[in-house]
């Protein structure tokens, strides 16, 4: 049996995407979205609890992110979960889990339709 690595999220961007070019001309965008759950506190009122997810978009999707995504954008993202490690500037090994976006869909109305 083959495996399945599929992530689907709906949330809001926490900040504008950071877009860089690597290896000369390969665009990569990084951004975070928050998904919200809520729970009942001791006073029986609902309290929101956001979870933050790191998203990475490559090539044409990175260019679209740079052009259309802004802080607060309501967004649907599909992708796959990736784990990686790297050494920071102090030589300490760090581990990162991120979603590599395969597609996204803006859920906000365009400015001219509001």
PDB file of N, CA and C in Angstrom:
ATOM      1  N   UNK A   1       0.839  -1.177   0.000  1.00  0.00           N
ATOM      2  CA  UNK A   1       0.000   0.000   0.000  1.00  0.00           C
ATOM      3  C   UNK A   1       0.882   1.237   0.000  1.00  0.00           C
ATOM      4  N   UNK A   2       0.523   2.200  -0.787  1.00  0.00           N
ATOM      5  CA  UNK A   2       1.248   3.464  -0.829  1.00  0.00           C
ATOM      6  C   UNK A   2       0.771   4.371   0.290  1.00  0.00           C
ATOM      7  N   UNK A   3       1.609   5.355   0.619  1.00  0.00           N
ATOM      8  CA  UNK A   3       1.242   6.301   1.663  1.00  0.00           C
ATOM      9  C   UNK A   3       0.565   7.533   1.085  1.00  0.00           C
ATOM     10  N   UNK A   4       0.060   8.362   1.969  1.00  0.00           N
ATOM     11  CA  UNK A   4      -0.581   9.597   1.577  1.00  0.00           C
ATOM     12  C   UNK A   4      -0.084  10.704   2.496  1.00  0.00           C
ATOM     13  N   UNK A   5       0.412  11.770   1.925  1.00  0.00           N
ATOM     14  CA  UNK A   5       0.875  12.933   2.682  1.00  0.00           C
ATOM     15  C   UNK A   5       0.113  14.130   2.129  1.00  0.00           C
ATOM     16  N   UNK A   6      -0.997  14.486   2.779  1.00  0.00           N
ATOM     17  CA  UNK A   6      -1.877  15.539   2.288  1.00  0.00           C
ATOM     18  C   UNK A   6      -2.314  16.403   3.458  1.00  0.00           C
ATOM     19  N   UNK A   7      -2.151  17.711   3.303  1.00  0.00           N
ATOM     20  CA  UNK A   7      -2.566  18.673   4.313  1.00  0.00           C
ATOM     21  C   UNK A   7      -3.524  19.660   3.667  1.00  0.00           C
ATOM     22  N   UNK A   8      -4.636  19.935   4.344  1.00  0.00           N
ATOM     23  CA  UNK A   8      -5.594  20.924   3.898  1.00  0.00           C
ATOM     24  C   UNK A   8      -5.860  21.866   5.059  1.00  0.00           C
ATOM     25  N   UNK A   9      -5.664  23.152   4.839  1.00  0.00           N
ATOM     26  CA  UNK A   9      -5.856  24.154   5.890  1.00  0.00           C
ATOM     27  C   UNK A   9      -6.677  25.323   5.369  1.00  0.00           C
ATOM     28  N   UNK A  10      -7.467  25.899   6.260  1.00  0.00           N
ATOM     29  CA  UNK A  10      -8.136  27.163   5.995  1.00  0.00           C
ATOM     30  C   UNK A  10      -7.800  28.063   7.171  1.00  0.00           C
ATOM     31  N   UNK A  11      -7.217  29.220   6.870  1.00  0.00           N
ATOM     32  CA  UNK A  11      -6.829  30.124   7.941  1.00  0.00           C
ATOM     33  C   UNK A  11      -6.516  31.506   7.409  1.00  0.00           C
ATOM     34  N   UNK A  12      -5.932  32.323   8.276  1.00  0.00           N
ATOM     35  CA  UNK A  12      -5.575  33.704   7.931  1.00  0.00           C
ATOM     36  C   UNK A  12      -4.075  33.898   8.020  1.00  0.00           C
ATOM     37  N   UNK A  13      -3.536  34.659   7.075  1.00  0.00           N
ATOM     38  CA  UNK A  13      -2.106  34.953   7.082  1.00  0.00           C
ATOM     39  C   UNK A  13      -1.753  35.849   8.262  1.00  0.00           C
ATOM     40  N   UNK A  14      -0.638  35.520   8.918  1.00  0.00           N
ATOM     41  CA  UNK A  14      -0.176  36.310  10.048  1.00  0.00           C
ATOM     42  C   UNK A  14       0.658  37.507   9.643  1.00  0.00           C
ATOM     43  N   UNK A  15       1.256  37.448   8.451  1.00  0.00           N
ATOM     44  CA  UNK A  15       2.055  38.561   7.935  1.00  0.00           C
ATOM     45  C   UNK A  15       2.198  38.372   6.423  1.00  0.00           C
ATOM     46  N   UNK A  16       2.678  39.395   5.743  1.00  0.00           N
ATOM     47  CA  UNK A  16       2.913  39.281   4.305  1.00  0.00           C
ATOM     48  C   UNK A  16       3.943  38.191   4.039  1.00  0.00           C
ATOM     49  N   UNK A  17       3.831  37.487   2.908  1.00  0.00           N
ATOM     50  CA  UNK A  17       4.820  36.460   2.577  1.00  0.00           C
ATOM     51  C   UNK A  17       6.219  37.058   2.402  1.00  0.00           C
ATOM     52  N   UNK A  18       7.231  36.304   2.798  1.00  0.00           N
ATOM     53  CA  UNK A  18       8.623  36.660   2.539  1.00  0.00           C
ATOM     54  C   UNK A  18       9.052  35.868   1.315  1.00  0.00           C
ATOM     55  N   UNK A  19       9.424  36.569   0.253  1.00  0.00           N
ATOM     56  CA  UNK A  19       9.787  35.906  -1.001  1.00  0.00           C
ATOM     57  C   UNK A  19      11.257  36.163  -1.277  1.00  0.00           C
ATOM     58  N   UNK A  20      11.979  35.072  -1.554  1.00  0.00           N
ATOM     59  CA  UNK A  20      13.404  35.138  -1.876  1.00  0.00           C
ATOM     60  C   UNK A  20      13.642  34.362  -3.158  1.00  0.00           C
ATOM     61  N   UNK A  21      14.752  34.652  -3.791  1.00  0.00           N
ATOM     62  CA  UNK A  21      15.182  33.891  -4.960  1.00  0.00           C
ATOM     63  C   UNK A  21      16.443  33.132  -4.578  1.00  0.00           C
ATOM     64  N   UNK A  22      16.436  31.838  -4.839  1.00  0.00           N
ATOM     65  CA  UNK A  22      17.617  31.020  -4.545  1.00  0.00           C
ATOM     66  C   UNK A  22      18.149  30.427  -5.841  1.00  0.00           C
ATOM     67  N   UNK A  23      19.390  30.028  -5.834  1.00  0.00           N
ATOM     68  CA  UNK A  23      20.054  29.449  -7.012  1.00  0.00           C
ATOM     69  C   UNK A  23      19.876  30.317  -8.252  1.00  0.00           C
ATOM     70  N   UNK A  24      19.916  31.608  -8.054  1.00  0.00           N
ATOM     71  CA  UNK A  24      19.860  32.517  -9.190  1.00  0.00           C
ATOM     72  C   UNK A  24      18.479  32.977  -9.583  1.00  0.00           C
ATOM     73  N   UNK A  25      17.541  32.047  -9.814  1.00  0.00           N
ATOM     74  CA  UNK A  25      16.232  32.480 -10.298  1.00  0.00           C
ATOM     75  C   UNK A  25      15.075  31.599  -9.834  1.00  0.00           C
ATOM     76  N   UNK A  26      15.214  30.900  -8.726  1.00  0.00           N
ATOM     77  CA  UNK A  26      14.159  30.025  -8.217  1.00  0.00           C
ATOM     78  C   UNK A  26      13.446  30.723  -7.055  1.00  0.00           C
ATOM     79  N   UNK A  27      12.213  31.230  -7.278  1.00  0.00           N
ATOM     80  CA  UNK A  27      11.508  31.938  -6.205  1.00  0.00           C
ATOM     81  C   UNK A  27      10.934  30.983  -5.164  1.00  0.00           C
ATOM     82  N   UNK A  28      11.029  31.379  -3.901  1.00  0.00           N
ATOM     83  CA  UNK A  28      10.442  30.627  -2.788  1.00  0.00           C
ATOM     84  C   UNK A  28       9.790  31.624  -1.840  1.00  0.00           C
ATOM     85  N   UNK A  29       8.557  31.334  -1.452  1.00  0.00           N
ATOM     86  CA  UNK A  29       7.815  32.200  -0.529  1.00  0.00           C
ATOM     87  C   UNK A  29       7.583  31.447   0.772  1.00  0.00           C
ATOM     88  N   UNK A  30       7.715  32.165   1.874  1.00  0.00           N
ATOM     89  CA  UNK A  30       7.440  31.603   3.197  1.00  0.00           C
ATOM     90  C   UNK A  30       6.435  32.505   3.894  1.00  0.00           C
ATOM     91  N   UNK A  31       5.430  31.869   4.489  1.00  0.00           N
ATOM     92  CA  UNK A  31       4.435  32.613   5.251  1.00  0.00           C
ATOM     93  C   UNK A  31       3.794  31.672   6.264  1.00  0.00           C
ATOM     94  N   UNK A  32       3.071  32.252   7.196  1.00  0.00           N
ATOM     95  CA  UNK A  32       2.394  31.460   8.224  1.00  0.00           C
ATOM     96  C   UNK A  32       0.912  31.782   8.207  1.00  0.00           C
ATOM     97  N   UNK A  33       0.093  30.730   8.409  1.00  0.00           N
ATOM     98  CA  UNK A  33      -1.332  30.966   8.567  1.00  0.00           C
ATOM     99  C   UNK A  33      -1.769  30.409   9.918  1.00  0.00           C
ATOM    100  N   UNK A  34      -2.788  31.049  10.447  1.00  0.00           N
ATOM    101  CA  UNK A  34      -3.355  30.625  11.728  1.00  0.00           C
ATOM    102  C   UNK A  34      -4.700  29.963  11.471  1.00  0.00           C
ATOM    103  N   UNK A  35      -4.877  28.775  12.042  1.00  0.00           N
ATOM    104  CA  UNK A  35      -6.185  28.143  12.079  1.00  0.00           C
ATOM    105  C   UNK A  35      -6.689  28.293  13.501  1.00  0.00           C
ATOM    106  N   UNK A  36      -7.973  28.486  13.656  1.00  0.00           N
ATOM    107  CA  UNK A  36      -8.526  28.760  14.983  1.00  0.00           C
ATOM    108  C   UNK A  36      -9.484  27.670  15.436  1.00  0.00           C
ATOM    109  N   UNK A  37      -9.271  27.235  16.633  1.00  0.00           N
ATOM    110  CA  UNK A  37     -10.217  26.378  17.336  1.00  0.00           C
ATOM    111  C   UNK A  37     -10.668  27.168  18.548  1.00  0.00           C
ATOM    112  N   UNK A  38     -11.728  26.727  19.172  1.00  0.00           N
ATOM    113  CA  UNK A  38     -12.135  27.393  20.406  1.00  0.00           C
ATOM    114  C   UNK A  38     -12.538  26.335  21.424  1.00  0.00           C
ATOM    115  N   UNK A  39     -12.451  26.703  22.660  1.00  0.00           N
ATOM    116  CA  UNK A  39     -12.832  25.802  23.749  1.00  0.00           C
ATOM    117  C   UNK A  39     -13.593  26.601  24.797  1.00  0.00           C
ATOM    118  N   UNK A  40     -14.352  25.886  25.616  1.00  0.00           N
ATOM    119  CA  UNK A  40     -15.091  26.546  26.695  1.00  0.00           C
ATOM    120  C   UNK A  40     -14.177  26.689  27.898  1.00  0.00           C
ATOM    121  N   UNK A  41     -14.111  27.898  28.414  1.00  0.00           N
ATOM    122  CA  UNK A  41     -13.305  28.125  29.608  1.00  0.00           C
ATOM    123  C   UNK A  41     -14.150  27.856  30.860  1.00  0.00           C
ATOM    124  N   UNK A  42     -13.622  28.176  32.017  1.00  0.00           N
ATOM    125  CA  UNK A  42     -14.307  27.921  33.282  1.00  0.00           C
ATOM    126  C   UNK A  42     -15.624  28.679  33.414  1.00  0.00           C
ATOM    127  N   UNK A  43     -15.760  29.776  32.704  1.00  0.00           N
ATOM    128  CA  UNK A  43     -16.973  30.595  32.770  1.00  0.00           C
ATOM    129  C   UNK A  43     -17.957  30.255  31.647  1.00  0.00           C
ATOM    130  N   UNK A  44     -17.727  29.139  30.971  1.00  0.00           N
ATOM    131  CA  UNK A  44     -18.596  28.631  29.901  1.00  0.00           C
ATOM    132  C   UNK A  44     -18.631  29.521  28.675  1.00  0.00           C
ATOM    133  N   UNK A  45     -17.655  30.388  28.526  1.00  0.00           N
ATOM    134  CA  UNK A  45     -17.581  31.182  27.300  1.00  0.00           C
ATOM    135  C   UNK A  45     -16.510  30.578  26.394  1.00  0.00           C
ATOM    136  N   UNK A  46     -16.671  30.795  25.106  1.00  0.00           N
ATOM    137  CA  UNK A  46     -15.729  30.237  24.147  1.00  0.00           C
ATOM    138  C   UNK A  46     -14.475  31.098  24.060  1.00  0.00           C
ATOM    139  N   UNK A  47     -13.334  30.462  24.111  1.00  0.00           N
ATOM    140  CA  UNK A  47     -12.043  31.131  24.011  1.00  0.00           C
ATOM    141  C   UNK A  47     -11.331  30.615  22.761  1.00  0.00           C
ATOM    142  N   UNK A  48     -10.924  31.520  21.860  1.00  0.00           N
ATOM    143  CA  UNK A  48     -10.228  31.052  20.656  1.00  0.00           C
ATOM    144  C   UNK A  48      -8.804  30.590  20.973  1.00  0.00           C
ATOM    145  N   UNK A  49      -8.370  29.563  20.250  1.00  0.00           N
ATOM    146  CA  UNK A  49      -7.002  29.059  20.395  1.00  0.00           C
ATOM    147  C   UNK A  49      -6.419  28.892  18.995  1.00  0.00           C
ATOM    148  N   UNK A  50      -5.550  29.818  18.567  1.00  0.00           N
ATOM    149  CA  UNK A  50      -4.971  29.692  17.228  1.00  0.00           C
ATOM    150  C   UNK A  50      -3.812  28.690  17.203  1.00  0.00           C
ATOM    151  N   UNK A  51      -3.682  27.991  16.089  1.00  0.00           N
ATOM    152  CA  UNK A  51      -2.517  27.151  15.798  1.00  0.00           C
ATOM    153  C   UNK A  51      -1.853  27.756  14.572  1.00  0.00           C
ATOM    154  N   UNK A  52      -0.525  27.927  14.642  1.00  0.00           N
ATOM    155  CA  UNK A  52       0.218  28.530  13.540  1.00  0.00           C
ATOM    156  C   UNK A  52       0.888  27.449  12.706  1.00  0.00           C
ATOM    157  N   UNK A  53       0.840  27.617  11.380  1.00  0.00           N
ATOM    158  CA  UNK A  53       1.392  26.651  10.437  1.00  0.00           C
ATOM    159  C   UNK A  53       2.335  27.376   9.476  1.00  0.00           C
ATOM    160  N   UNK A  54       3.541  26.850   9.322  1.00  0.00           N
ATOM    161  CA  UNK A  54       4.528  27.427   8.402  1.00  0.00           C
ATOM    162  C   UNK A  54       4.300  26.850   7.013  1.00  0.00           C
ATOM    163  N   UNK A  55       4.183  27.734   6.037  1.00  0.00           N
ATOM    164  CA  UNK A  55       3.916  27.345   4.651  1.00  0.00           C
ATOM    165  C   UNK A  55       5.090  27.776   3.780  1.00  0.00           C
ATOM    166  N   UNK A  56       5.460  26.901   2.831  1.00  0.00           N
ATOM    167  CA  UNK A  56       6.499  27.210   1.842  1.00  0.00           C
ATOM    168  C   UNK A  56       5.890  26.992   0.462  1.00  0.00           C
ATOM    169  N   UNK A  57       6.049  27.971  -0.417  1.00  0.00           N
ATOM    170  CA  UNK A  57       5.566  27.861  -1.798  1.00  0.00           C
ATOM    171  C   UNK A  57       6.737  28.094  -2.745  1.00  0.00           C
ATOM    172  N   UNK A  58       6.813  27.314  -3.809  1.00  0.00           N
ATOM    173  CA  UNK A  58       7.917  27.395  -4.758  1.00  0.00           C
ATOM    174  C   UNK A  58       7.434  27.865  -6.121  1.00  0.00           C
ATOM    175  N   UNK A  59       8.355  28.370  -6.897  1.00  0.00           N
ATOM    176  CA  UNK A  59       8.206  28.732  -8.311  1.00  0.00           C
ATOM    177  C   UNK A  59       7.008  29.652  -8.552  1.00  0.00           C
ATOM    178  N   UNK A  60       6.106  29.256  -9.453  1.00  0.00           N
ATOM    179  CA  UNK A  60       4.971  30.093  -9.822  1.00  0.00           C
ATOM    180  C   UNK A  60       4.040  30.371  -8.657  1.00  0.00           C
ATOM    181  N   UNK A  61       3.894  29.405  -7.764  1.00  0.00           N
ATOM    182  CA  UNK A  61       3.044  29.608  -6.594  1.00  0.00           C
ATOM    183  C   UNK A  61       3.645  30.657  -5.668  1.00  0.00           C
ATOM    184  N   UNK A  62       4.963  30.706  -5.588  1.00  0.00           N
ATOM    185  CA  UNK A  62       5.641  31.741  -4.794  1.00  0.00           C
ATOM    186  C   UNK A  62       5.385  33.120  -5.400  1.00  0.00           C
ATOM    187  N   UNK A  63       5.413  33.207  -6.723  1.00  0.00           N
ATOM    188  CA  UNK A  63       5.158  34.483  -7.386  1.00  0.00           C
ATOM    189  C   UNK A  63       3.714  34.934  -7.165  1.00  0.00           C
ATOM    190  N   UNK A  64       2.762  33.990  -7.188  1.00  0.00           N
ATOM    191  CA  UNK A  64       1.367  34.329  -6.906  1.00  0.00           C
ATOM    192  C   UNK A  64       1.196  34.783  -5.461  1.00  0.00           C
ATOM    193  N   UNK A  65       1.896  34.124  -4.548  1.00  0.00           N
ATOM    194  CA  UNK A  65       1.831  34.518  -3.133  1.00  0.00           C
ATOM    195  C   UNK A  65       2.324  35.951  -2.967  1.00  0.00           C
ATOM    196  N   UNK A  66       3.425  36.268  -3.628  1.00  0.00           N
ATOM    197  CA  UNK A  66       3.975  37.618  -3.527  1.00  0.00           C
ATOM    198  C   UNK A  66       2.994  38.647  -4.094  1.00  0.00           C
ATOM    199  N   UNK A  67       2.321  38.302  -5.144  1.00  0.00           N
ATOM    200  CA  UNK A  67       1.427  39.245  -5.817  1.00  0.00           C
ATOM    201  C   UNK A  67       0.096  39.437  -5.082  1.00  0.00           C
ATOM    202  N   UNK A  68      -0.482  38.361  -4.526  1.00  0.00           N
ATOM    203  CA  UNK A  68      -1.846  38.427  -4.020  1.00  0.00           C
ATOM    204  C   UNK A  68      -2.021  38.293  -2.509  1.00  0.00           C
ATOM    205  N   UNK A  69      -1.066  37.703  -1.803  1.00  0.00           N
ATOM    206  CA  UNK A  69      -1.280  37.442  -0.382  1.00  0.00           C
ATOM    207  C   UNK A  69      -0.785  38.593   0.479  1.00  0.00           C
ATOM    208  N   UNK A  70      -1.575  38.963   1.468  1.00  0.00           N
ATOM    209  CA  UNK A  70      -1.235  40.005   2.427  1.00  0.00           C
ATOM    210  C   UNK A  70      -1.652  39.552   3.815  1.00  0.00           C
ATOM    211  N   UNK A  71      -1.088  40.177   4.808  1.00  0.00           N
ATOM    212  CA  UNK A  71      -1.442  39.878   6.196  1.00  0.00           C
ATOM    213  C   UNK A  71      -2.962  39.932   6.355  1.00  0.00           C
ATOM    214  N   UNK A  72      -3.516  38.900   6.994  1.00  0.00           N
ATOM    215  CA  UNK A  72      -4.953  38.837   7.233  1.00  0.00           C
ATOM    216  C   UNK A  72      -5.743  38.126   6.162  1.00  0.00           C
ATOM    217  N   UNK A  73      -5.134  37.841   4.999  1.00  0.00           N
ATOM    218  CA  UNK A  73      -5.844  37.168   3.912  1.00  0.00           C
ATOM    219  C   UNK A  73      -6.399  35.835   4.397  1.00  0.00           C
ATOM    220  N   UNK A  74      -7.681  35.588   4.086  1.00  0.00           N
ATOM    221  CA  UNK A  74      -8.327  34.314   4.398  1.00  0.00           C
ATOM    222  C   UNK A  74      -7.989  33.359   3.263  1.00  0.00           C
ATOM    223  N   UNK A  75      -7.398  32.201   3.584  1.00  0.00           N
ATOM    224  CA  UNK A  75      -6.771  31.380   2.568  1.00  0.00           C
ATOM    225  C   UNK A  75      -7.037  29.894   2.779  1.00  0.00           C
ATOM    226  N   UNK A  76      -7.250  29.186   1.680  1.00  0.00           N
ATOM    227  CA  UNK A  76      -7.337  27.724   1.654  1.00  0.00           C
ATOM    228  C   UNK A  76      -6.022  27.237   1.060  1.00  0.00           C
ATOM    229  N   UNK A  77      -5.333  26.327   1.744  1.00  0.00           N
ATOM    230  CA  UNK A  77      -4.037  25.812   1.281  1.00  0.00           C
ATOM    231  C   UNK A  77      -4.074  24.292   1.237  1.00  0.00           C
ATOM    232  N   UNK A  78      -3.586  23.723   0.145  1.00  0.00           N
ATOM    233  CA  UNK A  78      -3.363  22.282   0.048  1.00  0.00           C
ATOM    234  C   UNK A  78      -1.887  22.047  -0.165  1.00  0.00           C
ATOM    235  N   UNK A  79      -1.357  21.022   0.486  1.00  0.00           N
ATOM    236  CA  UNK A  79       0.051  20.715   0.314  1.00  0.00           C
ATOM    237  C   UNK A  79       0.423  19.428   1.004  1.00  0.00           C
ATOM    238  N   UNK A  80       1.724  19.292   1.280  1.00  0.00           N
ATOM    239  CA  UNK A  80       2.213  18.095   1.963  1.00  0.00           C
ATOM    240  C   UNK A  80       3.106  18.503   3.116  1.00  0.00           C
ATOM    241  N   UNK A  81       3.136  17.674   4.132  1.00  0.00           N
ATOM    242  CA  UNK A  81       3.916  17.928   5.327  1.00  0.00           C
ATOM    243  C   UNK A  81       5.358  17.493   5.101  1.00  0.00           C
ATOM    244  N   UNK A  82       6.298  18.372   5.454  1.00  0.00           N
ATOM    245  CA  UNK A  82       7.728  18.070   5.321  1.00  0.00           C
ATOM    246  C   UNK A  82       8.442  18.398   6.623  1.00  0.00           C
ATOM    247  N   UNK A  83       9.367  17.545   6.990  1.00  0.00           N
ATOM    248  CA  UNK A  83      10.240  17.772   8.142  1.00  0.00           C
ATOM    249  C   UNK A  83      11.653  17.932   7.611  1.00  0.00           C
ATOM    250  N   UNK A  84      12.389  18.876   8.165  1.00  0.00           N
ATOM    251  CA  UNK A  84      13.780  19.068   7.766  1.00  0.00           C
ATOM    252  C   UNK A  84      14.565  19.557   8.966  1.00  0.00           C
ATOM    253  N   UNK A  85      15.866  19.493   8.835  1.00  0.00           N
ATOM    254  CA  UNK A  85      16.729  20.005   9.905  1.00  0.00           C
ATOM    255  C   UNK A  85      17.816  20.880   9.277  1.00  0.00           C
ATOM    256  N   UNK A  86      18.379  21.744  10.108  1.00  0.00           N
ATOM    257  CA  UNK A  86      19.463  22.620   9.672  1.00  0.00           C
ATOM    258  C   UNK A  86      20.266  23.018  10.899  1.00  0.00           C
ATOM    259  N   UNK A  87      21.462  23.541  10.663  1.00  0.00           N
ATOM    260  CA  UNK A  87      22.274  24.056  11.760  1.00  0.00           C
ATOM    261  C   UNK A  87      22.166  25.571  11.780  1.00  0.00           C
ATOM    262  N   UNK A  88      21.852  26.130  12.960  1.00  0.00           N
ATOM    263  CA  UNK A  88      21.748  27.581  13.067  1.00  0.00           C
ATOM    264  C   UNK A  88      23.140  28.199  13.130  1.00  0.00           C
ATOM    265  N   UNK A  89      23.198  29.509  13.277  1.00  0.00           N
ATOM    266  CA  UNK A  89      24.476  30.221  13.244  1.00  0.00           C
ATOM    267  C   UNK A  89      25.402  29.835  14.389  1.00  0.00           C
ATOM    268  N   UNK A  90      24.830  29.251  15.473  1.00  0.00           N
ATOM    269  CA  UNK A  90      25.639  28.801  16.610  1.00  0.00           C
ATOM    270  C   UNK A  90      26.017  27.323  16.506  1.00  0.00           C
ATOM    271  N   UNK A  91      25.672  26.693  15.382  1.00  0.00           N
ATOM    272  CA  UNK A  91      26.009  25.299  15.172  1.00  0.00           C
ATOM    273  C   UNK A  91      25.055  24.315  15.844  1.00  0.00           C
ATOM    274  N   UNK A  92      23.916  24.796  16.317  1.00  0.00           N
ATOM    275  CA  UNK A  92      22.928  23.937  16.969  1.00  0.00           C
ATOM    276  C   UNK A  92      21.973  23.392  15.914  1.00  0.00           C
ATOM    277  N   UNK A  93      21.723  22.083  15.954  1.00  0.00           N
ATOM    278  CA  UNK A  93      20.828  21.462  14.993  1.00  0.00           C
ATOM    279  C   UNK A  93      19.386  21.796  15.357  1.00  0.00           C
ATOM    280  N   UNK A  94      18.641  22.343  14.393  1.00  0.00           N
ATOM    281  CA  UNK A  94      17.237  22.722  14.572  1.00  0.00           C
ATOM    282  C   UNK A  94      16.363  21.873  13.657  1.00  0.00           C
ATOM    283  N   UNK A  95      15.156  21.619  14.092  1.00  0.00           N
ATOM    284  CA  UNK A  95      14.197  20.835  13.321  1.00  0.00           C
ATOM    285  C   UNK A  95      12.987  21.702  12.989  1.00  0.00           C
ATOM    286  N   UNK A  96      12.501  21.565  11.769  1.00  0.00           N
ATOM    287  CA  UNK A  96      11.379  22.371  11.290  1.00  0.00           C
ATOM    288  C   UNK A  96      10.362  21.445  10.629  1.00  0.00           C
ATOM    289  N   UNK A  97       9.095  21.700  10.920  1.00  0.00           N
ATOM    290  CA  UNK A  97       7.997  21.044  10.211  1.00  0.00           C
ATOM    291  C   UNK A  97       7.247  22.131   9.470  1.00  0.00           C
ATOM    292  N   UNK A  98       7.038  21.940   8.171  1.00  0.00           N
ATOM    293  CA  UNK A  98       6.361  22.940   7.367  1.00  0.00           C
ATOM    294  C   UNK A  98       5.492  22.266   6.321  1.00  0.00           C
ATOM    295  N   UNK A  99       4.554  23.023   5.790  1.00  0.00           N
ATOM    296  CA  UNK A  99       3.693  22.535   4.726  1.00  0.00           C
ATOM    297  C   UNK A  99       4.220  23.099   3.420  1.00  0.00           C
ATOM    298  N   UNK A 100       4.529  22.222   2.487  1.00  0.00           N
ATOM    299  CA  UNK A 100       4.935  22.650   1.150  1.00  0.00           C
ATOM    300  C   UNK A 100       3.660  22.771   0.331  1.00  0.00           C
ATOM    301  N   UNK A 101       3.305  23.998  -0.013  1.00  0.00           N
ATOM    302  CA  UNK A 101       2.047  24.269  -0.708  1.00  0.00           C
ATOM    303  C   UNK A 101       2.083  23.716  -2.122  1.00  0.00           C
ATOM    304  N   UNK A 102       1.000  23.064  -2.503  1.00  0.00           N
ATOM    305  CA  UNK A 102       0.818  22.604  -3.877  1.00  0.00           C
ATOM    306  C   UNK A 102      -0.201  23.477  -4.596  1.00  0.00           C
ATOM    307  N   UNK A 103      -1.105  24.096  -3.815  1.00  0.00           N
ATOM    308  CA  UNK A 103      -2.073  25.045  -4.362  1.00  0.00           C
ATOM    309  C   UNK A 103      -2.648  25.861  -3.220  1.00  0.00           C
ATOM    310  N   UNK A 104      -3.171  27.024  -3.560  1.00  0.00           N
ATOM    311  CA  UNK A 104      -3.923  27.788  -2.579  1.00  0.00           C
ATOM    312  C   UNK A 104      -5.040  28.549  -3.284  1.00  0.00           C
ATOM    313  N   UNK A 105      -6.044  28.936  -2.500  1.00  0.00           N
ATOM    314  CA  UNK A 105      -7.200  29.636  -3.019  1.00  0.00           C
ATOM    315  C   UNK A 105      -7.540  30.765  -2.063  1.00  0.00           C
ATOM    316  N   UNK A 106      -7.626  31.981  -2.591  1.00  0.00           N
ATOM    317  CA  UNK A 106      -8.013  33.129  -1.767  1.00  0.00           C
ATOM    318  C   UNK A 106      -9.504  33.039  -1.474  1.00  0.00           C
ATOM    319  N   UNK A 107      -9.860  33.162  -0.206  1.00  0.00           N
ATOM    320  CA  UNK A 107     -11.255  33.073   0.194  1.00  0.00           C
ATOM    321  C   UNK A 107     -11.879  34.437   0.442  1.00  0.00           C
ATOM    322  N   UNK A 108     -11.074  35.505   0.411  1.00  0.00           N
ATOM    323  CA  UNK A 108     -11.580  36.866   0.538  1.00  0.00           C
ATOM    324  C   UNK A 108     -12.144  37.327  -0.795  1.00  0.00           C
ATOM    325  N   UNK A 109     -13.109  38.237  -0.724  1.00  0.00           N
ATOM    326  CA  UNK A 109     -13.594  38.863  -1.945  1.00  0.00           C
ATOM    327  C   UNK A 109     -12.552  39.855  -2.443  1.00  0.00           C
ATOM    328  N   UNK A 110     -12.395  39.998  -3.749  1.00  0.00           N
ATOM    329  CA  UNK A 110     -11.495  41.026  -4.270  1.00  0.00           C
ATOM    330  C   UNK A 110     -11.920  42.417  -3.790  1.00  0.00           C
ATOM    331  N   UNK A 111     -10.962  43.329  -3.688  1.00  0.00           N
ATOM    332  CA  UNK A 111     -11.215  44.682  -3.193  1.00  0.00           C
ATOM    333  C   UNK A 111     -12.372  45.361  -3.906  1.00  0.00           C
ATOM    334  N   UNK A 112     -12.480  45.186  -5.227  1.00  0.00           N
ATOM    335  CA  UNK A 112     -13.517  45.902  -5.976  1.00  0.00           C
ATOM    336  C   UNK A 112     -14.911  45.296  -5.791  1.00  0.00           C
ATOM    337  N   UNK A 113     -15.036  44.147  -5.110  1.00  0.00           N
ATOM    338  CA  UNK A 113     -16.339  43.526  -4.875  1.00  0.00           C
ATOM    339  C   UNK A 113     -16.854  43.781  -3.458  1.00  0.00           C
ATOM    340  N   UNK A 114     -16.070  44.424  -2.603  1.00  0.00           N
ATOM    341  CA  UNK A 114     -16.485  44.645  -1.209  1.00  0.00           C
ATOM    342  C   UNK A 114     -17.485  45.761  -1.089  1.00  0.00           C
TER     343      UNK A 114
END
